[in-house]
PDB file of N, CA and C in Angstrom:
ATOM      1  N   MET A   1    -110.447 103.885  56.164  1.00  0.00           N
ATOM      2  CA  MET A   1    -109.726 103.150  56.811  1.00  0.00           C
ATOM      3  C   MET A   1    -110.258 101.771  57.206  1.00  0.00           C
ATOM      4  N   ASP A   2    -109.453 100.934  57.262  1.00  0.00           N
ATOM      5  CA  ASP A   2    -109.399  99.184  57.365  1.00  0.00           C
ATOM      6  C   ASP A   2    -109.066  98.841  58.672  1.00  0.00           C
ATOM      7  N   ILE A   3    -109.538  98.354  59.884  1.00  0.00           N
ATOM      8  CA  ILE A   3    -109.074  97.834  60.755  1.00  0.00           C
ATOM      9  C   ILE A   3    -109.300  96.398  60.945  1.00  0.00           C
ATOM     10  N   LYS A   4    -108.232  95.703  61.143  1.00  0.00           N
ATOM     11  CA  LYS A   4    -108.277  94.700  61.263  1.00  0.00           C
ATOM     12  C   LYS A   4    -107.534  93.916  62.994  1.00  0.00           C
ATOM     13  N   SER A   5    -108.225  93.176  63.830  1.00  0.00           N
ATOM     14  CA  SER A   5    -107.641  92.466  64.890  1.00  0.00           C
ATOM     15  C   SER A   5    -107.392  91.239  65.071  1.00  0.00           C
ATOM     16  N   LYS A   6    -106.686  90.619  65.865  1.00  0.00           N
ATOM     17  CA  LYS A   6    -106.269  89.371  66.384  1.00  0.00           C
ATOM     18  C   LYS A   6    -105.772  89.233  67.857  1.00  0.00           C
ATOM     19  N   VAL A   7    -106.152  88.355  68.608  1.00  0.00           N
ATOM     20  CA  VAL A   7    -105.331  87.979  69.993  1.00  0.00           C
ATOM     21  C   VAL A   7    -104.588  86.523  69.616  1.00  0.00           C
ATOM     22  N   VAL A   8    -103.173  87.031  69.904  1.00  0.00           N
ATOM     23  CA  VAL A   8    -102.512  85.858  69.497  1.00  0.00           C
ATOM     24  C   VAL A   8    -101.716  85.646  71.069  1.00  0.00           C
ATOM     25  N   ASP A   9    -101.482  84.823  71.376  1.00  0.00           N
ATOM     26  CA  ASP A   9    -101.032  84.410  72.732  1.00  0.00           C
ATOM     27  C   ASP A   9    -100.772  85.640  73.890  1.00  0.00           C
ATOM     28  N   ASN A  10    -102.246  85.832  74.075  1.00  0.00           N
ATOM     29  CA  ASN A  10    -102.687  86.901  74.681  1.00  0.00           C
ATOM     30  C   ASN A  10    -101.871  88.177  74.523  1.00  0.00           C
ATOM     31  N   VAL A  11    -101.602  88.545  73.471  1.00  0.00           N
ATOM     32  CA  VAL A  11    -101.430  90.085  72.870  1.00  0.00           C
ATOM     33  C   VAL A  11    -102.501  90.332  71.430  1.00  0.00           C
ATOM     34  N   LEU A  12    -103.104  91.401  71.665  1.00  0.00           N
ATOM     35  CA  LEU A  12    -104.024  92.042  70.940  1.00  0.00           C
ATOM     36  C   LEU A  12    -103.400  92.879  69.711  1.00  0.00           C
ATOM     37  N   TYR A  13    -103.171  92.353  68.354  1.00  0.00           N
ATOM     38  CA  TYR A  13    -102.690  92.756  67.058  1.00  0.00           C
ATOM     39  C   TYR A  13    -103.541  93.368  66.558  1.00  0.00           C
ATOM     40  N   ILE A  14    -103.271  94.863  66.345  1.00  0.00           N
ATOM     41  CA  ILE A  14    -104.323  95.610  65.633  1.00  0.00           C
ATOM     42  C   ILE A  14    -103.858  96.144  64.684  1.00  0.00           C
ATOM     43  N   MET A  15    -104.070  95.965  63.168  1.00  0.00           N
ATOM     44  CA  MET A  15    -103.593  96.320  62.054  1.00  0.00           C
ATOM     45  C   MET A  15    -104.559  97.556  61.202  1.00  0.00           C
ATOM     46  N   LEU A  16    -103.542  98.517  60.952  1.00  0.00           N
ATOM     47  CA  LEU A  16    -104.472  99.712  60.430  1.00  0.00           C
ATOM     48  C   LEU A  16    -104.368  99.881  59.198  1.00  0.00           C
ATOM     49  N   LYS A  17    -105.264 100.559  58.269  1.00  0.00           N
ATOM     50  CA  LYS A  17    -104.729 100.587  56.624  1.00  0.00           C
ATOM     51  C   LYS A  17    -104.980 101.732  56.326  1.00  0.00           C
ATOM     52  N   GLY A  18    -104.710 102.637  55.719  1.00  0.00           N
ATOM     53  CA  GLY A  18    -105.523 103.829  55.152  1.00  0.00           C
ATOM     54  C   GLY A  18    -105.079 105.150  55.841  1.00  0.00           C
ATOM     55  N   GLU A  19    -106.067 105.960  56.353  1.00  0.00           N
ATOM     56  CA  GLU A  19    -105.335 107.489  56.614  1.00  0.00           C
ATOM     57  C   GLU A  19    -106.287 107.426  58.439  1.00  0.00           C
ATOM     58  N   LEU A  20    -105.487 108.130  59.379  1.00  0.00           N
ATOM     59  CA  LEU A  20    -106.248 108.319  60.669  1.00  0.00           C
ATOM     60  C   LEU A  20    -105.855 109.666  60.687  1.00  0.00           C
ATOM     61  N   ASP A  21    -107.276 110.024  60.238  1.00  0.00           N
ATOM     62  CA  ASP A  21    -107.259 111.937  60.467  1.00  0.00           C
ATOM     63  C   ASP A  21    -108.929 112.468  61.013  1.00  0.00           C
ATOM     64  N   GLU A  22    -109.109 113.451  61.213  1.00  0.00           N
ATOM     65  CA  GLU A  22    -110.652 113.595  61.777  1.00  0.00           C
ATOM     66  C   GLU A  22    -111.487 112.938  60.870  1.00  0.00           C
ATOM     67  N   CYS A  23    -111.327 112.514  59.447  1.00  0.00           N
ATOM     68  CA  CYS A  23    -112.647 111.866  59.132  1.00  0.00           C
ATOM     69  C   CYS A  23    -112.867 110.344  59.730  1.00  0.00           C
ATOM     70  N   THR A  24    -111.765 109.695  60.014  1.00  0.00           N
ATOM     71  CA  THR A  24    -111.558 108.440  60.523  1.00  0.00           C
ATOM     72  C   THR A  24    -111.538 108.287  61.757  1.00  0.00           C
ATOM     73  N   ALA A  25    -111.202 109.131  62.686  1.00  0.00           N
ATOM     74  CA  ALA A  25    -110.845 109.194  63.794  1.00  0.00           C
ATOM     75  C   ALA A  25    -111.596 108.542  64.690  1.00  0.00           C
ATOM     76  N   SER A  26    -113.273 108.891  64.391  1.00  0.00           N
ATOM     77  CA  SER A  26    -114.495 108.576  65.388  1.00  0.00           C
ATOM     78  C   SER A  26    -114.565 106.694  65.073  1.00  0.00           C
ATOM     79  N   PHE A  27    -114.374 106.450  64.131  1.00  0.00           N
ATOM     80  CA  PHE A  27    -114.545 105.106  64.059  1.00  0.00           C
ATOM     81  C   PHE A  27    -113.391 104.545  64.304  1.00  0.00           C
ATOM     82  N   THR A  28    -112.151 104.880  64.082  1.00  0.00           N
ATOM     83  CA  THR A  28    -110.888 104.006  64.475  1.00  0.00           C
ATOM     84  C   THR A  28    -111.228 104.039  66.331  1.00  0.00           C
ATOM     85  N   ARG A  29    -111.334 105.118  67.167  1.00  0.00           N
ATOM     86  CA  ARG A  29    -111.425 105.438  68.510  1.00  0.00           C
ATOM     87  C   ARG A  29    -112.467 104.133  69.015  1.00  0.00           C
ATOM     88  N   ASN A  30    -113.812 104.070  68.117  1.00  0.00           N
ATOM     89  CA  ASN A  30    -115.005 103.014  68.443  1.00  0.00           C
ATOM     90  C   ASN A  30    -114.455 102.033  68.440  1.00  0.00           C
ATOM     91  N   TYR A  31    -113.729 101.616  67.218  1.00  0.00           N
ATOM     92  CA  TYR A  31    -113.190  99.922  66.948  1.00  0.00           C
ATOM     93  C   TYR A  31    -112.384  99.733  68.069  1.00  0.00           C
ATOM     94  N   LEU A  32    -111.587 100.744  68.330  1.00  0.00           N
ATOM     95  CA  LEU A  32    -110.025 100.074  69.296  1.00  0.00           C
ATOM     96  C   LEU A  32    -111.070  99.526  70.656  1.00  0.00           C
ATOM     97  N   ASP A  33    -112.152 100.681  70.855  1.00  0.00           N
ATOM     98  CA  ASP A  33    -112.586 100.976  72.525  1.00  0.00           C
ATOM     99  C   ASP A  33    -113.295  99.524  72.277  1.00  0.00           C
ATOM    100  N   GLU A  34    -113.659  98.989  71.328  1.00  0.00           N
ATOM    101  CA  GLU A  34    -114.779  97.714  71.426  1.00  0.00           C
ATOM    102  C   GLU A  34    -113.706  96.670  71.209  1.00  0.00           C
ATOM    103  N   CYS A  35    -112.524  96.556  71.010  1.00  0.00           N
ATOM    104  CA  CYS A  35    -111.636  95.712  70.984  1.00  0.00           C
ATOM    105  C   CYS A  35    -110.899  95.289  72.329  1.00  0.00           C
ATOM    106  N   PHE A  36    -111.025  96.411  72.788  1.00  0.00           N
ATOM    107  CA  PHE A  36    -110.317  96.734  74.508  1.00  0.00           C
ATOM    108  C   PHE A  36    -111.037  95.742  75.356  1.00  0.00           C
ATOM    109  N   LEU A  37    -112.478  96.121  74.971  1.00  0.00           N
ATOM    110  CA  LEU A  37    -113.730  95.507  75.865  1.00  0.00           C
ATOM    111  C   LEU A  37    -113.977  94.037  75.616  1.00  0.00           C
ATOM    112  N   ASN A  38    -113.828  93.478  74.398  1.00  0.00           N
ATOM    113  CA  ASN A  38    -114.528  92.473  74.136  1.00  0.00           C
ATOM    114  C   ASN A  38    -113.314  91.457  73.925  1.00  0.00           C
ATOM    115  N   SER A  39    -111.767  91.959  74.316  1.00  0.00           N
ATOM    116  CA  SER A  39    -110.816  90.793  73.801  1.00  0.00           C
ATOM    117  C   SER A  39    -109.861  90.492  75.117  1.00  0.00           C
ATOM    118  N   SER A  40    -109.313  89.362  75.701  1.00  0.00           N
ATOM    119  CA  SER A  40    -108.903  89.045  76.532  1.00  0.00           C
ATOM    120  C   SER A  40    -107.271  89.131  76.100  1.00  0.00           C
ATOM    121  N   PHE A  41    -106.446  90.171  77.092  1.00  0.00           N
ATOM    122  CA  PHE A  41    -105.008  90.272  76.184  1.00  0.00           C
ATOM    123  C   PHE A  41    -104.622  90.896  77.342  1.00  0.00           C
ATOM    124  N   SER A  42    -102.875  90.871  77.204  1.00  0.00           N
ATOM    125  CA  SER A  42    -102.571  91.571  78.538  1.00  0.00           C
ATOM    126  C   SER A  42    -101.597  93.038  77.577  1.00  0.00           C
ATOM    127  N   ASN A  43    -101.286  92.657  76.416  1.00  0.00           N
ATOM    128  CA  ASN A  43    -100.687  94.140  75.670  1.00  0.00           C
ATOM    129  C   ASN A  43    -101.330  94.391  74.483  1.00  0.00           C
ATOM    130  N   VAL A  44    -101.589  95.249  73.745  1.00  0.00           N
ATOM    131  CA  VAL A  44    -101.488  95.334  72.565  1.00  0.00           C
ATOM    132  C   VAL A  44    -100.537  95.941  71.751  1.00  0.00           C
ATOM    133  N   VAL A  45    -100.225  95.918  70.221  1.00  0.00           N
ATOM    134  CA  VAL A  45     -99.403  95.659  69.382  1.00  0.00           C
ATOM    135  C   VAL A  45     -99.957  96.683  67.925  1.00  0.00           C
ATOM    136  N   LEU A  46     -99.645  97.648  67.832  1.00  0.00           N
ATOM    137  CA  LEU A  46    -100.400  98.569  66.871  1.00  0.00           C
ATOM    138  C   LEU A  46     -99.393  98.139  65.253  1.00  0.00           C
ATOM    139  N   GLU A  47    -100.164  97.416  64.514  1.00  0.00           N
ATOM    140  CA  GLU A  47     -99.239  97.357  63.596  1.00  0.00           C
ATOM    141  C   GLU A  47     -99.497  98.413  62.070  1.00  0.00           C
ATOM    142  N   LEU A  48     -98.599  99.074  61.649  1.00  0.00           N
ATOM    143  CA  LEU A  48     -98.902 100.011  60.798  1.00  0.00           C
ATOM    144  C   LEU A  48     -97.973 100.468  59.695  1.00  0.00           C
ATOM    145  N   SER A  49     -97.878  99.372  59.102  1.00  0.00           N
ATOM    146  CA  SER A  49     -97.038  99.483  57.730  1.00  0.00           C
ATOM    147  C   SER A  49     -97.654  99.683  56.675  1.00  0.00           C
ATOM    148  N   GLU A  50     -99.106  99.500  56.928  1.00  0.00           N
ATOM    149  CA  GLU A  50    -100.095 100.087  55.701  1.00  0.00           C
ATOM    150  C   GLU A  50    -100.930 101.200  56.137  1.00  0.00           C
ATOM    151  N   LEU A  51    -100.562 101.944  57.421  1.00  0.00           N
ATOM    152  CA  LEU A  51    -101.222 103.281  57.651  1.00  0.00           C
ATOM    153  C   LEU A  51    -100.654 104.292  56.793  1.00  0.00           C
ATOM    154  N   ASP A  52    -101.085 105.144  55.958  1.00  0.00           N
ATOM    155  CA  ASP A  52    -100.284 105.883  54.829  1.00  0.00           C
ATOM    156  C   ASP A  52    -100.386 107.391  55.518  1.00  0.00           C
ATOM    157  N   PHE A  53    -101.248 107.747  56.387  1.00  0.00           N
ATOM    158  CA  PHE A  53    -100.974 109.190  56.884  1.00  0.00           C
ATOM    159  C   PHE A  53    -102.026 109.295  58.176  1.00  0.00           C
ATOM    160  N   MET A  54    -101.366 109.959  59.022  1.00  0.00           N
ATOM    161  CA  MET A  54    -101.839 110.468  60.470  1.00  0.00           C
ATOM    162  C   MET A  54    -101.852 111.912  60.405  1.00  0.00           C
ATOM    163  N   ASP A  55    -102.874 112.627  61.108  1.00  0.00           N
ATOM    164  CA  ASP A  55    -102.676 113.833  61.410  1.00  0.00           C
ATOM    165  C   ASP A  55    -102.909 114.035  62.833  1.00  0.00           C
ATOM    166  N   SER A  56    -102.799 115.336  63.780  1.00  0.00           N
ATOM    167  CA  SER A  56    -102.922 115.226  65.100  1.00  0.00           C
ATOM    168  C   SER A  56    -103.944 114.739  65.778  1.00  0.00           C
ATOM    169  N   THR A  57    -105.239 114.737  64.753  1.00  0.00           N
ATOM    170  CA  THR A  57    -106.565 113.812  65.240  1.00  0.00           C
ATOM    171  C   THR A  57    -105.897 112.344  65.624  1.00  0.00           C
ATOM    172  N   GLY A  58    -105.448 111.559  64.671  1.00  0.00           N
ATOM    173  CA  GLY A  58    -104.848 110.396  64.867  1.00  0.00           C
ATOM    174  C   GLY A  58    -103.994 110.289  65.978  1.00  0.00           C
ATOM    175  N   ILE A  59    -102.914 111.202  66.353  1.00  0.00           N
ATOM    176  CA  ILE A  59    -102.302 111.265  67.405  1.00  0.00           C
ATOM    177  C   ILE A  59    -103.493 110.860  68.735  1.00  0.00           C
ATOM    178  N   GLY A  60    -104.105 111.625  68.729  1.00  0.00           N
ATOM    179  CA  GLY A  60    -104.619 111.667  69.547  1.00  0.00           C
ATOM    180  C   GLY A  60    -105.987 110.820  70.283  1.00  0.00           C
ATOM    181  N   VAL A  61    -106.263 110.026  68.777  1.00  0.00           N
ATOM    182  CA  VAL A  61    -106.827 109.073  68.884  1.00  0.00           C
ATOM    183  C   VAL A  61    -106.005 108.079  70.248  1.00  0.00           C
ATOM    184  N   LEU A  62    -104.927 107.830  69.467  1.00  0.00           N
ATOM    185  CA  LEU A  62    -103.876 106.670  69.967  1.00  0.00           C
ATOM    186  C   LEU A  62    -103.705 107.071  71.392  1.00  0.00           C
ATOM    187  N   LEU A  63    -103.482 108.396  71.693  1.00  0.00           N
ATOM    188  CA  LEU A  63    -102.665 108.968  73.193  1.00  0.00           C
ATOM    189  C   LEU A  63    -103.964 108.439  73.952  1.00  0.00           C
ATOM    190  N   GLY A  64    -105.179 108.512  73.496  1.00  0.00           N
ATOM    191  CA  GLY A  64    -106.510 108.500  74.186  1.00  0.00           C
ATOM    192  C   GLY A  64    -106.440 106.733  74.600  1.00  0.00           C
ATOM    193  N   ARG A  65    -106.337 106.017  73.513  1.00  0.00           N
ATOM    194  CA  ARG A  65    -106.112 104.560  73.763  1.00  0.00           C
ATOM    195  C   ARG A  65    -105.290 104.478  74.832  1.00  0.00           C
ATOM    196  N   TYR A  66    -103.934 104.893  74.391  1.00  0.00           N
ATOM    197  CA  TYR A  66    -102.765 104.451  75.869  1.00  0.00           C
ATOM    198  C   TYR A  66    -103.204 105.108  77.067  1.00  0.00           C
ATOM    199  N   LYS A  67    -103.608 106.190  77.183  1.00  0.00           N
ATOM    200  CA  LYS A  67    -104.461 106.656  78.892  1.00  0.00           C
ATOM    201  C   LYS A  67    -105.651 105.001  79.269  1.00  0.00           C
ATOM    202  N   LYS A  68    -106.030 104.828  78.256  1.00  0.00           N
ATOM    203  CA  LYS A  68    -107.075 103.846  79.161  1.00  0.00           C
ATOM    204  C   LYS A  68    -106.572 102.807  78.999  1.00  0.00           C
ATOM    205  N   LEU A  69    -105.469 102.293  78.692  1.00  0.00           N
ATOM    206  CA  LEU A  69    -104.941 100.766  78.608  1.00  0.00           C
ATOM    207  C   LEU A  69    -103.953 101.155  79.833  1.00  0.00           C
ATOM    208  N   LYS A  70    -103.549 102.082  79.878  1.00  0.00           N
ATOM    209  CA  LYS A  70    -102.214 102.331  81.106  1.00  0.00           C
ATOM    210  C   LYS A  70    -103.195 102.175  82.635  1.00  0.00           C
ATOM    211  N   SER A  71    -104.466 102.847  82.372  1.00  0.00           N
ATOM    212  CA  SER A  71    -105.098 102.620  83.824  1.00  0.00           C
ATOM    213  C   SER A  71    -105.450 101.357  84.067  1.00  0.00           C
ATOM    214  N   LYS A  72    -105.042 100.235  83.020  1.00  0.00           N
ATOM    215  CA  LYS A  72    -105.519  99.011  83.452  1.00  0.00           C
ATOM    216  C   LYS A  72    -104.008  98.163  83.174  1.00  0.00           C
ATOM    217  N   ASN A  73    -103.336  99.325  83.378  1.00  0.00           N
ATOM    218  CA  ASN A  73    -101.462  98.102  83.674  1.00  0.00           C
ATOM    219  C   ASN A  73    -101.198  97.556  82.243  1.00  0.00           C
ATOM    220  N   LYS A  74    -101.906  97.783  81.180  1.00  0.00           N
ATOM    221  CA  LYS A  74    -101.741  97.154  79.680  1.00  0.00           C
ATOM    222  C   LYS A  74    -100.610  98.223  79.006  1.00  0.00           C
ATOM    223  N   SER A  75     -99.694  97.546  77.865  1.00  0.00           N
ATOM    224  CA  SER A  75     -99.346  98.473  77.313  1.00  0.00           C
ATOM    225  C   SER A  75     -99.670  98.508  75.974  1.00  0.00           C
ATOM    226  N   ILE A  76     -99.415  99.658  75.046  1.00  0.00           N
ATOM    227  CA  ILE A  76     -99.371  99.554  73.700  1.00  0.00           C
ATOM    228  C   ILE A  76     -97.952  99.576  72.966  1.00  0.00           C
ATOM    229  N   TYR A  77     -97.802  98.798  71.815  1.00  0.00           N
ATOM    230  CA  TYR A  77     -96.312  98.581  71.481  1.00  0.00           C
ATOM    231  C   TYR A  77     -96.569  99.412  69.821  1.00  0.00           C
ATOM    232  N   ILE A  78     -95.646  99.517  68.854  1.00  0.00           N
ATOM    233  CA  ILE A  78     -95.908 100.337  68.022  1.00  0.00           C
ATOM    234  C   ILE A  78     -95.285  99.087  67.049  1.00  0.00           C
ATOM    235  N   SER A  79     -95.412  98.735  65.964  1.00  0.00           N
ATOM    236  CA  SER A  79     -94.992  97.690  65.058  1.00  0.00           C
ATOM    237  C   SER A  79     -94.974  98.292  63.358  1.00  0.00           C
ATOM    238  N   ASN A  80     -93.928  98.110  62.821  1.00  0.00           N
ATOM    239  CA  ASN A  80     -93.749  98.376  61.318  1.00  0.00           C
ATOM    240  C   ASN A  80     -94.318  99.735  60.796  1.00  0.00           C
ATOM    241  N   PRO A  81     -93.706 100.958  61.729  1.00  0.00           N
ATOM    242  CA  PRO A  81     -94.595 101.869  61.267  1.00  0.00           C
ATOM    243  C   PRO A  81     -94.316 102.324  59.718  1.00  0.00           C
ATOM    244  N   SER A  82     -94.818 102.844  58.862  1.00  0.00           N
ATOM    245  CA  SER A  82     -94.630 103.229  57.432  1.00  0.00           C
ATOM    246  C   SER A  82     -93.381 104.493  57.797  1.00  0.00           C
ATOM    247  N   ALA A  83     -92.926 104.886  56.585  1.00  0.00           N
ATOM    248  CA  ALA A  83     -91.565 106.061  56.751  1.00  0.00           C
ATOM    249  C   ALA A  83     -92.332 107.350  57.398  1.00  0.00           C
ATOM    250  N   THR A  84     -93.623 107.198  56.692  1.00  0.00           N
ATOM    251  CA  THR A  84     -94.491 108.680  56.866  1.00  0.00           C
ATOM    252  C   THR A  84     -94.635 108.813  58.458  1.00  0.00           C
ATOM    253  N   ILE A  85     -95.384 107.729  58.945  1.00  0.00           N
ATOM    254  CA  ILE A  85     -95.722 107.548  60.270  1.00  0.00           C
ATOM    255  C   ILE A  85     -94.697 107.483  61.297  1.00  0.00           C
ATOM    256  N   GLU A  86     -93.241 106.736  60.777  1.00  0.00           N
ATOM    257  CA  GLU A  86     -92.093 106.985  61.751  1.00  0.00           C
ATOM    258  C   GLU A  86     -91.929 107.994  61.950  1.00  0.00           C
ATOM    259  N   LYS A  87     -91.752 109.490  60.730  1.00  0.00           N
ATOM    260  CA  LYS A  87     -91.278 110.598  61.067  1.00  0.00           C
ATOM    261  C   LYS A  87     -92.330 111.262  62.264  1.00  0.00           C
ATOM    262  N   ILE A  88     -93.722 110.990  61.732  1.00  0.00           N
ATOM    263  CA  ILE A  88     -94.630 112.045  63.004  1.00  0.00           C
ATOM    264  C   ILE A  88     -94.162 111.329  64.245  1.00  0.00           C
ATOM    265  N   PHE A  89     -94.065 110.028  64.237  1.00  0.00           N
ATOM    266  CA  PHE A  89     -93.891 109.615  66.082  1.00  0.00           C
ATOM    267  C   PHE A  89     -92.711 110.050  66.443  1.00  0.00           C
ATOM    268  N   LYS A  90     -91.452 110.337  65.669  1.00  0.00           N
ATOM    269  CA  LYS A  90     -90.395 110.421  66.195  1.00  0.00           C
ATOM    270  C   LYS A  90     -90.749 112.164  66.610  1.00  0.00           C
ATOM    271  N   MET A  91     -91.138 112.914  65.956  1.00  0.00           N
ATOM    272  CA  MET A  91     -91.182 114.394  66.005  1.00  0.00           C
ATOM    273  C   MET A  91     -92.163 114.531  67.400  1.00  0.00           C
ATOM    274  N   SER A  92     -93.028 113.776  67.547  1.00  0.00           N
ATOM    275  CA  SER A  92     -94.111 113.923  68.689  1.00  0.00           C
ATOM    276  C   SER A  92     -93.519 113.577  69.485  1.00  0.00           C
ATOM    277  N   GLY A  93     -92.684 112.234  70.048  1.00  0.00           N
ATOM    278  CA  GLY A  93     -92.168 111.833  71.142  1.00  0.00           C
ATOM    279  C   GLY A  93     -93.121 110.708  71.467  1.00  0.00           C
ATOM    280  N   ILE A  94     -93.714 110.193  70.665  1.00  0.00           N
ATOM    281  CA  ILE A  94     -94.724 109.140  71.036  1.00  0.00           C
ATOM    282  C   ILE A  94     -94.036 107.799  71.450  1.00  0.00           C
ATOM    283  N   TYR A  95     -92.717 107.734  71.145  1.00  0.00           N
ATOM    284  CA  TYR A  95     -91.867 106.448  71.063  1.00  0.00           C
ATOM    285  C   TYR A  95     -91.728 106.408  72.899  1.00  0.00           C
ATOM    286  N   THR A  96     -91.922 107.508  73.454  1.00  0.00           N
ATOM    287  CA  THR A  96     -91.551 107.495  74.919  1.00  0.00           C
ATOM    288  C   THR A  96     -92.590 106.780  75.923  1.00  0.00           C
ATOM    289  N   ILE A  97     -93.847 106.707  75.244  1.00  0.00           N
ATOM    290  CA  ILE A  97     -94.698 106.219  75.815  1.00  0.00           C
ATOM    291  C   ILE A  97     -95.241 104.699  75.115  1.00  0.00           C
ATOM    292  N   MET A  98     -95.182 104.581  73.959  1.00  0.00           N
ATOM    293  CA  MET A  98     -95.534 103.824  72.988  1.00  0.00           C
ATOM    294  C   MET A  98     -94.350 102.902  72.153  1.00  0.00           C
ATOM    295  N   PRO A  99     -93.625 102.615  73.020  1.00  0.00           N
ATOM    296  CA  PRO A  99     -92.337 101.644  72.282  1.00  0.00           C
ATOM    297  C   PRO A  99     -92.454 100.923  70.986  1.00  0.00           C
ATOM    298  N   LYS A 100     -91.654 101.449  70.310  1.00  0.00           N
ATOM    299  CA  LYS A 100     -91.666 100.667  68.882  1.00  0.00           C
ATOM    300  C   LYS A 100     -90.738  99.409  69.185  1.00  0.00           C
ATOM    301  N   ILE A 101     -91.410  98.436  68.201  1.00  0.00           N
ATOM    302  CA  ILE A 101     -90.957  96.947  68.496  1.00  0.00           C
ATOM    303  C   ILE A 101     -90.463  96.316  67.108  1.00  0.00           C
ATOM    304  N   SER A 102     -89.873  94.987  66.772  1.00  0.00           N
ATOM    305  CA  SER A 102     -89.536  94.786  65.185  1.00  0.00           C
ATOM    306  C   SER A 102     -90.583  93.524  65.470  1.00  0.00           C
TER     307      SER A 102
END
């Protein structure tokens, strides 16, 4: 898993590359939590065009971060999910809480 982040115009952009599964969940969770603590932002955009695979553990990581941000009145948006991730998100209903943007 390779993760990069940047803040542009008060939006935290996080780019995930690789696989988000049981093996990478802890690293990803910790990285995202650090970003949320150390960055000044109003909303988060997850850029997922290079995320190749995600299992239920990965969905759990994203849902946990959603709950943390929701308690602070901040939103998470999904950008450019790969075809595989798009299918998973549609099946799971995740777009109802983390809208897809272009």
